[in-house]
């Protein structure tokens, strides 16, 4: 269920330099490059001459030239130069490749795959407070569906078991054991939130008790934020690249307010690697067993709501269906 009427991350801004870059979003192979004024552009990654990938070519004068015969295309996808044409010959009509809206914002190059909608698309969804932090940033290919990555990061109870020596919940459980907690789940206009621990009335369980807010925003963003206690901020985008694969674009706020605004890291953080191994195992099980017979308990309510939101959004029904979701649900778990 690919959601097309949304912006997706193509790559980190720092990773798009002078050379073109091949990326895959949903089922679309794209080439992104910096055109005139270093503005990012996105085209279908194929030359209309022989079908060679444009990402194998080069950028010249703000245009991209195919590496096979040098056919050159503007950022809008029009063929503007064919080296083999004799003087006086015209470029054939309708020579060009599909172009997609592309903008740069909050440390990323974004692409809109919404198709032939009327007018310009809305702006990409801002990363709230982006300018207030300094970030480590990276990208990881995952051998699982994007939905599994999203579910994992709304799963309150897995860190104690999945993240030994890397997650705060593991250390808390190591010292005091598992305890009963209440969580608050709410729908939002563009997704949902999960907050905890809370009291029955929604307040914090103690004056100094730290809370965590997990949020999902359509189509592919999950955010982890501390509410009290040590500051923590993680923003993850799970960009679908196939029904059973995705690309995780991650941002983790640095504790120390020094250095560049965004620092790209090629190594995979240990805590993300722990998740990846488990998620890829789950994907393999689903592929081998077909309709895998899951069994659910109350703690799975957030991930089950997430599935419903994405299914409704895929059918264009989320706005009207949101009224059927309780405005607030309290979930009792042991974690």
Protein backbone atom coordinates (compact mmCIF):
# COMPACT_ATOMS: atom_id res chain seq x y z
CA UNK A 1 0.00 0.00 0.00
CA UNK A 2 2.22 2.81 -1.27
CA UNK A 3 1.02 6.27 -0.21
CA UNK A 4 1.77 8.56 -3.14
CA UNK A 5 0.22 11.91 -2.21
CA UNK A 6 3.07 12.74 0.18
CA UNK A 7 6.64 14.06 0.29
CA UNK A 8 9.45 11.52 0.81
CA UNK A 9 13.10 11.90 1.69
CA UNK A 10 15.35 11.31 -1.33
CA UNK A 11 18.65 11.80 0.51
CA UNK A 12 20.44 13.93 3.05
CA UNK A 13 21.28 17.41 1.73
CA UNK A 14 24.97 16.85 2.46
CA UNK A 15 24.99 13.73 0.29
CA UNK A 16 23.91 15.52 -2.89
CA UNK A 17 27.00 17.20 -4.30
CA UNK A 18 28.18 17.91 -7.83
CA UNK A 19 27.42 14.40 -9.13
CA UNK A 20 23.93 13.00 -9.79
CA UNK A 21 22.58 10.50 -7.30
CA UNK A 22 20.35 7.47 -7.93
CA UNK A 23 17.58 6.93 -5.37
CA UNK A 24 14.52 4.73 -5.15
CA UNK A 25 11.27 5.88 -3.57
CA UNK A 26 8.24 3.59 -3.55
CA UNK A 27 8.42 1.82 -6.93
CA UNK A 28 10.13 4.72 -8.74
CA UNK A 29 13.80 4.86 -9.77
CA UNK A 30 14.89 8.50 -9.63
CA UNK A 31 17.95 10.61 -10.28
CA UNK A 32 18.41 13.68 -8.09
CA UNK A 33 20.94 16.37 -8.92
CA UNK A 34 21.68 20.03 -8.26
CA UNK A 35 20.52 22.21 -11.12
CA UNK A 36 20.85 25.95 -11.60
CA UNK A 37 21.57 27.79 -8.37
CA UNK A 38 22.30 24.39 -6.77
CA UNK A 39 18.58 23.82 -6.49
CA UNK A 40 17.82 20.08 -6.22
CA UNK A 41 15.97 18.45 -9.10
CA UNK A 42 14.41 15.00 -9.50
CA UNK A 43 13.80 13.11 -12.75
CA UNK A 44 12.94 9.55 -13.68
CA UNK A 45 16.29 7.76 -13.85
CA UNK A 46 16.27 6.89 -17.53
CA UNK A 47 17.25 8.60 -20.72
CA UNK A 48 14.45 8.76 -23.29
CA UNK A 49 16.95 7.73 -26.01
CA UNK A 50 18.08 4.22 -25.02
CA UNK A 51 16.83 3.97 -21.45
CA UNK A 52 20.25 4.25 -19.79
CA UNK A 53 20.22 5.51 -16.21
CA UNK A 54 20.79 9.25 -16.09
CA UNK A 55 22.47 8.78 -12.73
CA UNK A 56 25.40 7.26 -14.69
CA UNK A 57 25.91 10.61 -16.44
CA UNK A 58 27.11 13.98 -15.21
CA UNK A 59 25.76 17.41 -14.35
CA UNK A 60 26.87 20.29 -16.56
CA UNK A 61 25.58 23.84 -16.50
CA UNK A 62 22.73 22.89 -14.18
CA UNK A 63 21.53 20.18 -16.59
CA UNK A 64 22.09 16.43 -16.54
CA UNK A 65 23.78 14.70 -19.48
CA UNK A 66 23.35 11.01 -20.20
CA UNK A 67 26.60 9.07 -20.00
CA UNK A 68 25.82 7.07 -23.16
CA UNK A 69 25.28 9.64 -25.95
CA UNK A 70 25.35 12.94 -24.06
CA UNK A 71 21.67 13.79 -24.42
CA UNK A 72 21.10 16.61 -21.96
CA UNK A 73 17.99 17.33 -19.88
CA UNK A 74 16.85 20.34 -17.88
CA UNK A 75 15.65 20.15 -14.30
CA UNK A 76 12.13 20.13 -15.69
CA UNK A 77 12.82 16.97 -17.72
CA UNK A 78 12.96 18.58 -21.20
CA UNK A 79 15.64 17.40 -23.61
CA UNK A 80 17.64 20.54 -24.38
CA UNK A 81 20.63 19.21 -26.32
CA UNK A 82 21.47 16.21 -28.50
CA UNK A 83 25.18 16.28 -29.49
CA UNK A 84 24.71 14.02 -32.53
CA UNK A 85 22.21 16.33 -34.26
CA UNK A 86 23.61 18.05 -37.34
CA UNK A 87 23.39 21.87 -37.44
CA UNK A 88 19.87 23.05 -38.16
CA UNK A 89 18.22 19.81 -37.01
CA UNK A 90 15.62 20.09 -34.27
CA UNK A 91 15.19 18.01 -31.15
CA UNK A 92 12.22 15.69 -31.76
CA UNK A 93 8.96 16.73 -30.14
CA UNK A 94 8.05 15.25 -26.77
CA UNK A 95 11.66 14.30 -26.05
CA UNK A 96 12.03 14.35 -22.32
CA UNK A 97 11.73 12.39 -19.09
CA UNK A 98 9.23 12.71 -16.21
CA UNK A 99 10.15 15.31 -13.59
CA UNK A 100 8.98 15.41 -9.97
CA UNK A 101 8.65 18.31 -7.51
CA UNK A 102 11.82 18.49 -5.43
CA UNK A 103 12.81 20.83 -2.59
CA UNK A 104 15.47 21.10 0.10
CA UNK A 105 14.41 21.56 3.72
CA UNK A 106 15.54 20.61 7.24
CA UNK A 107 18.68 18.78 6.14
CA UNK A 108 16.99 16.68 3.45
CA UNK A 109 16.15 16.67 -0.25
CA UNK A 110 12.43 15.85 -0.58
CA UNK A 111 10.53 14.50 -3.60
CA UNK A 112 6.78 14.48 -4.26
CA UNK A 113 5.44 11.46 -6.16
CA UNK A 114 1.80 12.52 -6.05
CA UNK A 115 1.24 12.30 -9.79
CA UNK A 116 -1.04 14.57 -11.79
CA UNK A 117 -2.75 16.43 -8.97
CA UNK A 118 -4.00 19.92 -9.71
CA UNK A 119 -1.66 22.74 -8.76
CA UNK A 120 1.55 22.66 -6.76
CA UNK A 121 1.88 20.21 -3.86
CA UNK A 122 1.88 21.49 -0.26
CA UNK A 123 5.24 22.20 1.40
CA UNK A 124 7.14 19.21 2.84
CA UNK A 125 6.31 18.48 6.49
CA UNK A 126 8.67 20.51 8.67
CA UNK A 127 10.77 18.81 11.33
CA UNK A 128 9.65 20.83 14.33
CA UNK A 129 12.53 22.50 16.13
CA UNK A 130 15.10 21.43 13.55
CA UNK A 131 17.09 24.65 13.86
CA UNK A 132 17.17 24.40 17.67
CA UNK A 133 19.34 21.25 17.68
CA UNK A 134 22.56 19.89 16.27
CA UNK A 135 22.10 16.50 14.70
CA UNK A 136 23.85 13.31 13.75
CA UNK A 137 22.33 11.99 10.54
CA UNK A 138 22.56 8.80 8.53
CA UNK A 139 20.84 6.35 6.22
CA UNK A 140 20.38 2.57 6.51
CA UNK A 141 18.85 0.09 4.07
CA UNK A 142 16.44 -2.31 5.78
CA UNK A 143 15.33 -5.68 4.47
CA UNK A 144 11.79 -5.22 5.75
CA UNK A 145 8.63 -3.33 4.87
CA UNK A 146 8.48 0.30 5.98
CA UNK A 147 5.41 -0.56 8.06
CA UNK A 148 7.49 -2.88 10.25
CA UNK A 149 9.97 -0.10 10.98
CA UNK A 150 7.18 2.29 11.90
CA UNK A 151 5.49 -0.27 14.13
CA UNK A 152 8.75 -1.02 15.92
CA UNK A 153 9.16 2.59 16.96
CA UNK A 154 5.66 2.80 18.41
CA UNK A 155 6.24 -0.42 20.36
CA UNK A 156 6.67 0.68 23.98
CA UNK A 157 7.61 -2.71 25.40
CA UNK A 158 10.36 -3.97 23.10
CA UNK A 159 13.41 -1.87 24.20
CA UNK A 160 13.97 -3.83 27.44
CA UNK A 161 14.54 -6.98 25.40
CA UNK A 162 15.74 -5.68 22.01
CA UNK A 163 18.27 -3.09 23.19
CA UNK A 164 20.61 -4.47 25.85
CA UNK A 165 23.17 -1.86 26.93
CA UNK A 166 21.96 0.77 24.43
CA UNK A 167 18.52 1.95 25.63
CA UNK A 168 17.46 3.75 28.80
CA UNK A 169 14.53 1.39 29.41
CA UNK A 170 16.94 -1.55 29.52
CA UNK A 171 18.97 0.09 32.29
CA UNK A 172 15.87 1.07 34.27
CA UNK A 173 14.55 -2.49 34.11
CA UNK A 174 17.97 -3.82 35.04
CA UNK A 175 17.92 -1.78 38.27
CA UNK A 176 14.29 -1.97 39.37
CA UNK A 177 12.70 -4.67 37.20
CA UNK A 178 9.57 -4.42 35.06
CA UNK A 179 6.73 -2.28 36.39
CA UNK A 180 3.13 -1.65 35.47
CA UNK A 181 2.67 1.56 33.49
CA UNK A 182 -0.17 3.47 31.86
CA UNK A 183 0.22 4.87 28.35
CA UNK A 184 -1.94 7.43 26.56
CA UNK A 185 -2.73 6.96 22.87
CA UNK A 186 -4.33 9.71 20.76
CA UNK A 187 -5.06 10.18 17.04
CA UNK A 188 -3.83 13.38 15.36
CA UNK A 189 -4.82 14.99 12.05
CA UNK A 190 -1.80 13.38 10.35
CA UNK A 191 -1.18 10.27 12.48
CA UNK A 192 -1.06 9.45 16.18
CA UNK A 193 0.84 9.89 19.43
CA UNK A 194 1.75 7.62 22.32
CA UNK A 195 2.81 9.16 25.65
CA UNK A 196 3.86 7.61 28.90
CA UNK A 197 4.01 6.84 31.63
CA UNK A 198 0.84 8.72 32.65
CA UNK A 199 -1.79 8.71 35.38
CA UNK A 200 -5.39 7.80 34.61
CA UNK A 201 -6.13 11.51 34.16
CA UNK A 202 -3.21 11.92 31.74
CA UNK A 203 -0.81 13.73 34.04
CA UNK A 204 2.75 12.67 34.79
CA UNK A 205 2.97 9.98 37.50
CA UNK A 206 5.29 12.14 39.60
CA UNK A 207 6.56 15.71 39.75
CA UNK A 208 10.00 14.72 38.49
CA UNK A 209 9.00 11.70 36.44
CA UNK A 210 10.31 11.78 32.89
CA UNK A 211 7.86 11.02 30.10
CA UNK A 212 8.43 9.97 26.52
CA UNK A 213 6.34 11.03 23.55
CA UNK A 214 6.27 8.76 20.49
CA UNK A 215 4.58 10.21 17.41
CA UNK A 216 3.74 8.98 13.93
CA UNK A 217 3.15 11.34 11.03
CA UNK A 218 1.95 10.19 7.62
CA UNK A 219 3.39 8.81 5.49
CA UNK A 220 6.62 7.52 7.07
CA UNK A 221 7.88 9.56 10.05
CA UNK A 222 8.27 8.43 13.66
CA UNK A 223 9.68 10.72 16.32
CA UNK A 224 10.90 10.03 19.86
CA UNK A 225 10.99 12.98 22.24
CA UNK A 226 11.68 13.35 25.96
CA UNK A 227 9.20 15.31 28.09
CA UNK A 228 11.20 16.16 31.19
CA UNK A 229 14.46 14.60 32.28
CA UNK A 230 17.49 14.46 29.95
CA UNK A 231 16.74 15.90 26.52
CA UNK A 232 16.35 13.30 23.79
CA UNK A 233 15.16 13.69 20.20
CA UNK A 234 15.15 11.11 17.41
CA UNK A 235 13.47 11.56 14.01
CA UNK A 236 13.18 8.56 11.69
CA UNK A 237 11.78 8.32 8.15
CA UNK A 238 11.09 4.85 6.77
CA UNK A 239 11.02 5.46 3.02
CA UNK A 240 9.43 2.50 1.17
CA UNK A 241 11.56 1.19 -1.71
CA UNK A 242 9.70 -2.11 -2.33
CA UNK A 243 6.87 -3.99 -0.60
CA UNK A 244 9.45 -5.76 1.59
CA UNK A 245 12.24 -3.16 1.77
CA UNK A 246 12.75 0.39 2.96
CA UNK A 247 15.40 3.00 3.62
CA UNK A 248 15.64 4.43 7.13
CA UNK A 249 16.77 8.06 7.20
CA UNK A 250 17.71 8.89 10.78
CA UNK A 251 18.36 12.05 12.78
CA UNK A 252 19.55 11.95 16.40
CA UNK A 253 19.95 15.22 18.32
CA UNK A 254 23.42 15.61 19.84
CA UNK A 255 23.67 16.34 23.54
CA UNK A 256 26.42 18.95 23.13
CA UNK A 257 25.52 22.14 21.22
CA UNK A 258 28.78 22.25 19.27
CA UNK A 259 29.95 21.48 15.75
CA UNK A 260 28.05 21.65 12.46
CA UNK A 261 24.26 21.82 12.40
CA UNK A 262 24.08 18.40 10.75
CA UNK A 263 26.87 15.83 10.77
CA UNK A 264 26.43 12.86 8.43
CA UNK A 265 27.60 9.54 9.91
CA UNK A 266 28.17 6.53 7.67
CA UNK A 267 28.35 4.00 10.50
CA UNK A 268 25.12 2.41 11.69
CA UNK A 269 24.38 3.22 15.36
CA UNK A 270 24.30 0.12 17.56
CA UNK A 271 20.75 0.76 18.74
CA UNK A 272 19.47 0.96 15.15
CA UNK A 273 21.42 -2.16 14.16
CA UNK A 274 19.72 -4.09 16.98
CA UNK A 275 16.32 -3.12 15.57
CA UNK A 276 17.32 -3.89 11.98
CA UNK A 277 18.35 -7.49 12.76
CA UNK A 278 15.03 -8.21 14.48
CA UNK A 279 12.91 -6.50 11.84
CA UNK A 280 14.59 -8.34 8.99
CA UNK A 281 13.99 -11.61 10.83
CA UNK A 282 10.28 -10.76 11.14
CA UNK A 283 10.11 -9.94 7.42
CA UNK A 284 11.70 -13.27 6.51
CA UNK A 285 9.18 -15.11 8.69
CA UNK A 286 6.26 -13.32 7.04
CA UNK A 287 7.59 -14.12 3.56
CA UNK A 288 8.08 -17.79 4.42
CA UNK A 289 4.73 -18.30 6.14
CA UNK A 290 2.48 -16.07 4.07
CA UNK A 291 -0.34 -14.74 6.23
CA UNK A 292 1.63 -15.07 9.44
CA UNK A 293 -0.69 -15.76 12.38
CA UNK A 294 0.13 -12.99 14.86
CA UNK A 295 -1.33 -12.98 18.37
CA UNK A 296 -1.86 -9.63 20.05
CA UNK A 297 -2.25 -8.25 23.56
CA UNK A 298 -3.16 -4.80 24.94
CA UNK A 299 0.41 -3.52 24.50
CA UNK A 300 0.02 -3.97 20.73
CA UNK A 301 -2.79 -1.41 20.48
CA UNK A 302 -0.55 1.41 19.14
CA UNK A 303 0.89 -0.70 16.31
CA UNK A 304 -2.56 -2.01 15.38
CA UNK A 305 -3.92 1.54 15.21
CA UNK A 306 -0.93 2.48 13.05
CA UNK A 307 -1.85 -0.27 10.57
CA UNK A 308 -5.42 1.01 10.39
CA UNK A 309 -4.29 4.61 9.82
CA UNK A 310 -2.02 3.60 6.93
CA UNK A 311 -4.69 1.37 5.39
CA UNK A 312 -7.25 4.17 5.59
CA UNK A 313 -4.77 6.69 4.18
CA UNK A 314 -4.04 4.35 1.26
CA UNK A 315 -7.75 4.41 0.44
CA UNK A 316 -8.01 8.18 0.98
CA UNK A 317 -10.26 7.66 4.00
CA UNK A 318 -8.16 8.79 6.98
CA UNK A 319 -9.78 12.21 7.43
CA UNK A 320 -13.29 10.79 7.72
CA UNK A 321 -12.23 7.65 9.59
CA UNK A 322 -10.36 9.58 12.30
CA UNK A 323 -13.67 10.42 13.99
CA UNK A 324 -14.18 6.71 14.66
CA UNK A 325 -10.95 6.48 16.69
CA UNK A 326 -11.29 7.28 20.42
CA UNK A 327 -9.84 10.72 21.16
CA UNK A 328 -7.93 9.21 24.09
CA UNK A 329 -7.23 5.64 25.08
CA UNK A 330 -5.28 4.57 28.17
CA UNK A 331 -3.31 1.34 27.81
CA UNK A 332 -2.03 -0.72 30.75
CA UNK A 333 1.31 -2.48 30.18
CA UNK A 334 4.24 -3.93 32.08
CA UNK A 335 7.55 -2.49 30.90
